[in-house]
Each structure stands twice: as C-alpha cells, then as structure tokens.
Amino acid sequence: MEMTLERFTELLEQKVYELAKDMIEEHGLTKLKLEQNSICTEGKITIKLSEKGRV
C-alpha cells in the first residue's frame, strides 16, 4: 500500500490518541477529556484537552 498523506495522517492520529490516552492513565488524570478531530485528506489533526465538568 502506498503511503499517502491521507494514510499517514490516519496512522499518526491513531498513535497520538494512544499516546495521550496512555499518558492520561499513567498520570492519573481522570478528569482530563481528550477530543480529537482529523481531516485526513488535508493532513490536519486537531486535539483539544479539557477538564470534565468544566464549561
């Protein structure tokens, strides 16, 4: 399979999510909320961190 921008972005998105999730668990940040949105065809990954229960 050829490595396209879209495929690379998909793989990177998965790795970033896994890393962030592991770090949240490792440091006991149970109130931390991770939101991730990607537009793989454009090579864009957006990550938003916030605390649960905060507006």
PDB file of N, CA and C in Angstrom:
ATOM      1  N   MET A   1       0.846  -1.183   0.000  1.00  0.00           N
ATOM      2  CA  MET A   1       0.000   0.000   0.000  1.00  0.00           C
ATOM      3  C   MET A   1       0.896   1.253   0.000  1.00  0.00           C
ATOM      4  N   GLU A   2       0.592   2.153  -0.879  1.00  0.00           N
ATOM      5  CA  GLU A   2       1.356   3.403  -0.970  1.00  0.00           C
ATOM      6  C   GLU A   2       1.040   4.301   0.225  1.00  0.00           C
ATOM      7  N   MET A   3       2.078   4.950   0.742  1.00  0.00           N
ATOM      8  CA  MET A   3       1.907   5.849   1.883  1.00  0.00           C
ATOM      9  C   MET A   3       1.522   7.226   1.353  1.00  0.00           C
ATOM     10  N   THR A   4       0.247   7.518   1.446  1.00  0.00           N
ATOM     11  CA  THR A   4      -0.270   8.811   1.015  1.00  0.00           C
ATOM     12  C   THR A   4      -0.383   9.738   2.216  1.00  0.00           C
ATOM     13  N   LEU A   5      -0.610  11.000   1.962  1.00  0.00           N
ATOM     14  CA  LEU A   5      -0.822  11.966   3.033  1.00  0.00           C
ATOM     15  C   LEU A   5      -2.001  11.535   3.899  1.00  0.00           C
ATOM     16  N   GLU A   6      -3.061  11.084   3.266  1.00  0.00           N
ATOM     17  CA  GLU A   6      -4.260  10.654   3.995  1.00  0.00           C
ATOM     18  C   GLU A   6      -3.955   9.463   4.901  1.00  0.00           C
ATOM     19  N   ARG A   7      -3.271   8.463   4.379  1.00  0.00           N
ATOM     20  CA  ARG A   7      -2.948   7.261   5.167  1.00  0.00           C
ATOM     21  C   ARG A   7      -1.987   7.600   6.311  1.00  0.00           C
ATOM     22  N   PHE A   8      -0.983   8.423   6.025  1.00  0.00           N
ATOM     23  CA  PHE A   8      -0.038   8.819   7.064  1.00  0.00           C
ATOM     24  C   PHE A   8      -0.755   9.566   8.183  1.00  0.00           C
ATOM     25  N   THR A   9      -1.680  10.456   7.826  1.00  0.00           N
ATOM     26  CA  THR A   9      -2.435  11.207   8.822  1.00  0.00           C
ATOM     27  C   THR A   9      -3.285  10.277   9.675  1.00  0.00           C
ATOM     28  N   GLU A  10      -3.898   9.274   9.064  1.00  0.00           N
ATOM     29  CA  GLU A  10      -4.684   8.287   9.814  1.00  0.00           C
ATOM     30  C   GLU A  10      -3.811   7.554  10.834  1.00  0.00           C
ATOM     31  N   LEU A  11      -2.637   7.102  10.396  1.00  0.00           N
ATOM     32  CA  LEU A  11      -1.732   6.377  11.286  1.00  0.00           C
ATOM     33  C   LEU A  11      -1.234   7.272  12.415  1.00  0.00           C
ATOM     34  N   LEU A  12      -0.881   8.504  12.082  1.00  0.00           N
ATOM     35  CA  LEU A  12      -0.413   9.455  13.081  1.00  0.00           C
ATOM     36  C   LEU A  12      -1.506   9.762  14.092  1.00  0.00           C
ATOM     37  N   GLU A  13      -2.728   9.920  13.616  1.00  0.00           N
ATOM     38  CA  GLU A  13      -3.868  10.183  14.501  1.00  0.00           C
ATOM     39  C   GLU A  13      -4.026   9.062  15.520  1.00  0.00           C
ATOM     40  N   GLN A  14      -3.916   7.826  15.071  1.00  0.00           N
ATOM     41  CA  GLN A  14      -4.039   6.676  15.969  1.00  0.00           C
ATOM     42  C   GLN A  14      -2.939   6.677  17.019  1.00  0.00           C
ATOM     43  N   LYS A  15      -1.716   6.931  16.616  1.00  0.00           N
ATOM     44  CA  LYS A  15      -0.582   6.934  17.545  1.00  0.00           C
ATOM     45  C   LYS A  15      -0.695   8.054  18.569  1.00  0.00           C
ATOM     46  N   VAL A  16      -1.089   9.236  18.123  1.00  0.00           N
ATOM     47  CA  VAL A  16      -1.233  10.373  19.031  1.00  0.00           C
ATOM     48  C   VAL A  16      -2.312  10.079  20.063  1.00  0.00           C
ATOM     49  N   TYR A  17      -3.429   9.506  19.629  1.00  0.00           N
ATOM     50  CA  TYR A  17      -4.518   9.180  20.549  1.00  0.00           C
ATOM     51  C   TYR A  17      -4.056   8.149  21.581  1.00  0.00           C
ATOM     52  N   GLU A  18      -3.383   7.108  21.117  1.00  0.00           N
ATOM     53  CA  GLU A  18      -2.895   6.068  22.029  1.00  0.00           C
ATOM     54  C   GLU A  18      -1.910   6.641  23.050  1.00  0.00           C
ATOM     55  N   LEU A  19      -1.000   7.483  22.586  1.00  0.00           N
ATOM     56  CA  LEU A  19      -0.015   8.100  23.477  1.00  0.00           C
ATOM     57  C   LEU A  19      -0.695   8.990  24.512  1.00  0.00           C
ATOM     58  N   ALA A  20      -1.613   9.832  24.077  1.00  0.00           N
ATOM     59  CA  ALA A  20      -2.311  10.725  25.002  1.00  0.00           C
ATOM     60  C   ALA A  20      -3.119   9.927  26.021  1.00  0.00           C
ATOM     61  N   LYS A  21      -3.807   8.899  25.564  1.00  0.00           N
ATOM     62  CA  LYS A  21      -4.604   8.058  26.464  1.00  0.00           C
ATOM     63  C   LYS A  21      -3.712   7.388  27.507  1.00  0.00           C
ATOM     64  N   ASP A  22      -2.572   6.851  27.063  1.00  0.00           N
ATOM     65  CA  ASP A  22      -1.632   6.208  27.992  1.00  0.00           C
ATOM     66  C   ASP A  22      -1.102   7.206  29.017  1.00  0.00           C
ATOM     67  N   MET A  23      -0.774   8.409  28.575  1.00  0.00           N
ATOM     68  CA  MET A  23      -0.244   9.421  29.493  1.00  0.00           C
ATOM     69  C   MET A  23      -1.300   9.859  30.505  1.00  0.00           C
ATOM     70  N   ILE A  24      -2.544   9.974  30.062  1.00  0.00           N
ATOM     71  CA  ILE A  24      -3.641  10.343  30.963  1.00  0.00           C
ATOM     72  C   ILE A  24      -3.779   9.283  32.052  1.00  0.00           C
ATOM     73  N   GLU A  25      -3.755   8.018  31.650  1.00  0.00           N
ATOM     74  CA  GLU A  25      -3.863   6.922  32.621  1.00  0.00           C
ATOM     75  C   GLU A  25      -2.636   6.855  33.532  1.00  0.00           C
ATOM     76  N   GLU A  26      -1.464   7.011  32.958  1.00  0.00           N
ATOM     77  CA  GLU A  26      -0.211   6.917  33.711  1.00  0.00           C
ATOM     78  C   GLU A  26      -0.118   7.979  34.807  1.00  0.00           C
ATOM     79  N   HIS A  27      -0.625   9.155  34.536  1.00  0.00           N
ATOM     80  CA  HIS A  27      -0.526  10.260  35.483  1.00  0.00           C
ATOM     81  C   HIS A  27      -1.799  10.477  36.298  1.00  0.00           C
ATOM     82  N   GLY A  28      -2.773   9.573  36.159  1.00  0.00           N
ATOM     83  CA  GLY A  28      -3.989   9.640  36.956  1.00  0.00           C
ATOM     84  C   GLY A  28      -4.858  10.854  36.680  1.00  0.00           C
ATOM     85  N   LEU A  29      -4.862  11.302  35.453  1.00  0.00           N
ATOM     86  CA  LEU A  29      -5.632  12.493  35.092  1.00  0.00           C
ATOM     87  C   LEU A  29      -7.050  12.099  34.674  1.00  0.00           C
ATOM     88  N   THR A  30      -7.800  11.563  35.617  1.00  0.00           N
ATOM     89  CA  THR A  30      -9.123  11.026  35.320  1.00  0.00           C
ATOM     90  C   THR A  30     -10.130  12.098  34.897  1.00  0.00           C
ATOM     91  N   LYS A  31      -9.871  13.347  35.244  1.00  0.00           N
ATOM     92  CA  LYS A  31     -10.795  14.420  34.873  1.00  0.00           C
ATOM     93  C   LYS A  31     -10.469  15.034  33.514  1.00  0.00           C
ATOM     94  N   LEU A  32      -9.410  14.576  32.885  1.00  0.00           N
ATOM     95  CA  LEU A  32      -8.996  15.138  31.610  1.00  0.00           C
ATOM     96  C   LEU A  32      -9.805  14.523  30.473  1.00  0.00           C
ATOM     97  N   LYS A  33     -10.303  15.368  29.610  1.00  0.00           N
ATOM     98  CA  LYS A  33     -11.091  14.925  28.467  1.00  0.00           C
ATOM     99  C   LYS A  33     -10.286  15.203  27.200  1.00  0.00           C
ATOM    100  N   LEU A  34     -10.170  14.208  26.345  1.00  0.00           N
ATOM    101  CA  LEU A  34      -9.407  14.307  25.107  1.00  0.00           C
ATOM    102  C   LEU A  34     -10.376  14.274  23.934  1.00  0.00           C
ATOM    103  N   GLU A  35     -10.345  15.305  23.125  1.00  0.00           N
ATOM    104  CA  GLU A  35     -11.153  15.344  21.900  1.00  0.00           C
ATOM    105  C   GLU A  35     -10.194  15.459  20.727  1.00  0.00           C
ATOM    106  N   GLN A  36     -10.395  14.611  19.747  1.00  0.00           N
ATOM    107  CA  GLN A  36      -9.511  14.607  18.595  1.00  0.00           C
ATOM    108  C   GLN A  36     -10.360  14.608  17.336  1.00  0.00           C
ATOM    109  N   ASN A  37      -9.998  15.462  16.389  1.00  0.00           N
ATOM    110  CA  ASN A  37     -10.715  15.564  15.133  1.00  0.00           C
ATOM    111  C   ASN A  37      -9.688  15.630  14.013  1.00  0.00           C
ATOM    112  N   SER A  38      -9.935  14.894  12.964  1.00  0.00           N
ATOM    113  CA  SER A  38      -8.974  14.870  11.863  1.00  0.00           C
ATOM    114  C   SER A  38      -9.658  15.057  10.528  1.00  0.00           C
ATOM    115  N   ILE A  39      -8.938  15.720   9.640  1.00  0.00           N
ATOM    116  CA  ILE A  39      -9.314  15.794   8.238  1.00  0.00           C
ATOM    117  C   ILE A  39      -8.134  15.177   7.497  1.00  0.00           C
ATOM    118  N   CYS A  40      -8.215  13.870   7.338  1.00  0.00           N
ATOM    119  CA  CYS A  40      -7.071  13.114   6.834  1.00  0.00           C
ATOM    120  C   CYS A  40      -6.677  13.519   5.420  1.00  0.00           C
ATOM    121  N   THR A  41      -7.646  13.868   4.591  1.00  0.00           N
ATOM    122  CA  THR A  41      -7.321  14.247   3.219  1.00  0.00           C
ATOM    123  C   THR A  41      -6.515  15.533   3.156  1.00  0.00           C
ATOM    124  N   GLU A  42      -6.597  16.356   4.199  1.00  0.00           N
ATOM    125  CA  GLU A  42      -5.846  17.610   4.250  1.00  0.00           C
ATOM    126  C   GLU A  42      -4.632  17.523   5.172  1.00  0.00           C
ATOM    127  N   GLY A  43      -4.460  16.384   5.848  1.00  0.00           N
ATOM    128  CA  GLY A  43      -3.333  16.220   6.754  1.00  0.00           C
ATOM    129  C   GLY A  43      -3.471  17.016   8.033  1.00  0.00           C
ATOM    130  N   LYS A  44      -4.710  17.235   8.492  1.00  0.00           N
ATOM    131  CA  LYS A  44      -4.943  18.037   9.694  1.00  0.00           C
ATOM    132  C   LYS A  44      -5.429  17.175  10.848  1.00  0.00           C
ATOM    133  N   ILE A  45      -4.808  17.365  12.006  1.00  0.00           N
ATOM    134  CA  ILE A  45      -5.228  16.699  13.237  1.00  0.00           C
ATOM    135  C   ILE A  45      -5.378  17.781  14.291  1.00  0.00           C
ATOM    136  N   THR A  46      -6.549  17.846  14.903  1.00  0.00           N
ATOM    137  CA  THR A  46      -6.807  18.815  15.960  1.00  0.00           C
ATOM    138  C   THR A  46      -7.052  18.060  17.254  1.00  0.00           C
ATOM    139  N   ILE A  47      -6.363  18.471  18.312  1.00  0.00           N
ATOM    140  CA  ILE A  47      -6.511  17.838  19.621  1.00  0.00           C
ATOM    141  C   ILE A  47      -6.913  18.914  20.618  1.00  0.00           C
ATOM    142  N   LYS A  48      -7.966  18.636  21.374  1.00  0.00           N
ATOM    143  CA  LYS A  48      -8.421  19.575  22.399  1.00  0.00           C
ATOM    144  C   LYS A  48      -8.455  18.831  23.734  1.00  0.00           C
ATOM    145  N   LEU A  49      -7.810  19.407  24.723  1.00  0.00           N
ATOM    146  CA  LEU A  49      -7.827  18.853  26.070  1.00  0.00           C
ATOM    147  C   LEU A  49      -8.629  19.791  26.962  1.00  0.00           C
ATOM    148  N   SER A  50      -9.464  19.199  27.800  1.00  0.00           N
ATOM    149  CA  SER A  50     -10.236  19.987  28.756  1.00  0.00           C
ATOM    150  C   SER A  50     -10.501  19.125  29.976  1.00  0.00           C
ATOM    151  N   GLU A  51     -10.987  19.768  31.038  1.00  0.00           N
ATOM    152  CA  GLU A  51     -11.342  19.028  32.237  1.00  0.00           C
ATOM    153  C   GLU A  51     -12.827  18.710  32.216  1.00  0.00           C
ATOM    154  N   LYS A  52     -13.162  17.476  32.553  1.00  0.00           N
ATOM    155  CA  LYS A  52     -14.559  17.072  32.616  1.00  0.00           C
ATOM    156  C   LYS A  52     -15.261  17.900  33.674  1.00  0.00           C
ATOM    157  N   GLY A  53     -16.477  18.335  33.377  1.00  0.00           N
ATOM    158  CA  GLY A  53     -17.268  19.094  34.324  1.00  0.00           C
ATOM    159  C   GLY A  53     -17.041  20.590  34.245  1.00  0.00           C
ATOM    160  N   ARG A  54     -16.069  21.031  33.498  1.00  0.00           N
ATOM    161  CA  ARG A  54     -15.815  22.458  33.328  1.00  0.00           C
ATOM    162  C   ARG A  54     -16.480  22.933  32.049  1.00  0.00           C
ATOM    163  N   VAL A  55     -16.985  24.141  32.094  1.00  0.00           N
ATOM    164  CA  VAL A  55     -17.660  24.726  30.925  1.00  0.00           C
ATOM    165  C   VAL A  55     -16.733  25.666  30.208  1.00  0.00           C
TER     166      VAL A  55
END
